[in-house]
Protein backbone atom coordinates (compact mmCIF):
# COMPACT_ATOMS: atom_id res chain seq x y z
CA MET A 1 0.00 0.00 0.00
CA ALA A 2 1.36 3.39 -0.99
CA GLU A 3 2.25 5.74 1.79
CA LEU A 4 -0.09 8.65 2.24
CA LYS A 5 1.54 12.02 1.79
CA LYS A 6 1.27 14.37 4.69
CA LYS A 7 -1.25 17.01 3.72
CA SER A 8 0.26 20.42 3.22
CA THR A 9 -0.72 22.77 6.01
CA MET A 10 -0.68 25.80 3.71
CA ASN A 11 -3.17 25.19 0.97
CA SER A 12 -4.12 27.97 -1.43
CA VAL A 13 -7.10 29.08 0.64
CA ASN A 14 -4.96 29.51 3.73
CA ILE A 15 -2.28 31.35 1.76
CA GLU A 16 -4.87 33.76 0.40
CA ARG A 17 -6.41 34.21 3.84
CA LYS A 18 -2.99 34.94 5.32
CA ARG A 19 -2.22 37.44 2.54
CA LEU A 20 -5.50 39.28 3.12
CA LEU A 21 -4.96 39.28 6.86
CA ASN A 22 -1.48 40.67 6.29
CA LEU A 23 -2.98 43.68 4.55
CA TYR A 24 -4.68 44.65 7.79
CA THR A 25 -1.50 44.61 9.87
CA ASN A 26 0.90 47.53 9.95
CA LYS A 27 3.69 45.51 8.36
CA GLY A 28 1.43 44.37 5.55
CA ARG A 29 0.04 47.85 5.05
CA ALA A 30 3.55 49.30 4.84
CA ALA A 31 4.47 46.67 2.24
CA LEU A 32 1.34 47.48 0.26
CA VAL A 33 2.12 51.21 0.30
CA ALA A 34 5.69 50.50 -0.79
CA ASP A 35 4.38 48.38 -3.66
CA LEU A 36 2.03 51.13 -4.73
CA ARG A 37 4.83 53.71 -4.65
CA THR A 38 7.14 51.60 -6.79
CA ALA A 39 4.37 50.70 -9.25
CA ALA A 40 4.14 52.51 -12.56
CA PRO A 41 2.54 55.91 -12.08
CA LYS A 42 -1.02 56.11 -13.25
CA LYS A 43 -2.00 58.50 -15.97
CA PRO A 44 -3.63 61.60 -14.55
CA VAL A 45 -7.37 61.67 -14.89
CA VAL A 46 -8.34 64.40 -17.30
CA ARG A 47 -11.61 65.86 -16.19
CA ALA A 48 -13.63 68.17 -18.35
CA THR A 49 -13.76 71.69 -17.06
CA PRO A 50 -17.26 72.43 -15.84
CA VAL A 51 -19.23 74.62 -18.19
CA PRO A 52 -20.73 77.51 -16.26
CA THR A 53 -24.48 77.51 -16.50
CA PRO A 54 -25.79 80.75 -17.92
CA VAL A 55 -27.70 82.84 -15.44
CA PRO A 56 -31.06 83.71 -17.00
CA THR A 57 -31.96 87.35 -17.23
CA PRO A 58 -35.27 88.23 -15.57
CA TYR A 59 -37.26 87.86 -18.81
CA GLU A 60 -35.66 84.72 -20.25
CA THR A 61 -37.72 82.30 -18.20
CA PRO A 62 -40.76 81.03 -20.11
CA TYR A 63 -43.33 82.05 -17.52
CA GLU A 64 -42.30 85.65 -17.04
CA THR A 65 -43.07 88.22 -19.71
CA PRO A 66 -42.26 91.86 -19.29
CA TYR A 67 -45.10 94.30 -18.89
CA VAL A 68 -45.57 96.33 -22.03
CA ALA A 69 -47.47 99.55 -21.50
CA PRO A 70 -50.09 100.28 -24.17
CA THR A 71 -48.80 102.83 -26.64
CA ALA A 72 -51.98 103.56 -28.62
CA GLU A 73 -55.37 104.80 -27.49
CA PRO A 74 -57.56 101.86 -26.47
CA THR A 75 -60.14 100.96 -29.11
CA PRO A 76 -63.65 102.04 -28.12
CA TYR A 77 -66.28 99.40 -27.48
CA VAL A 78 -68.51 98.84 -30.53
CA GLU A 79 -71.95 97.32 -30.13
CA PRO A 80 -72.32 94.14 -32.16
CA THR A 81 -74.77 94.55 -35.02
CA PRO A 82 -77.67 92.07 -35.19
CA PHE A 83 -77.82 89.86 -38.27
């Protein structure tokens, strides 16, 4: 009968768990920051400059119309003629 191999104590799940746990320790965090500093610099994010919204003048809004004073004499009332 073949001898059974001793099972490895560090399987891939444990290795990953240990790596993630290491990120939350100061030593692991320092290593992560060092890795990020030595990594290739990222391209700067080019953001579009915000377009200023035009401020409407008092009469540009659709619900406000300026008051126009009547310039001519008002037309007199004319009685309707019967048919």
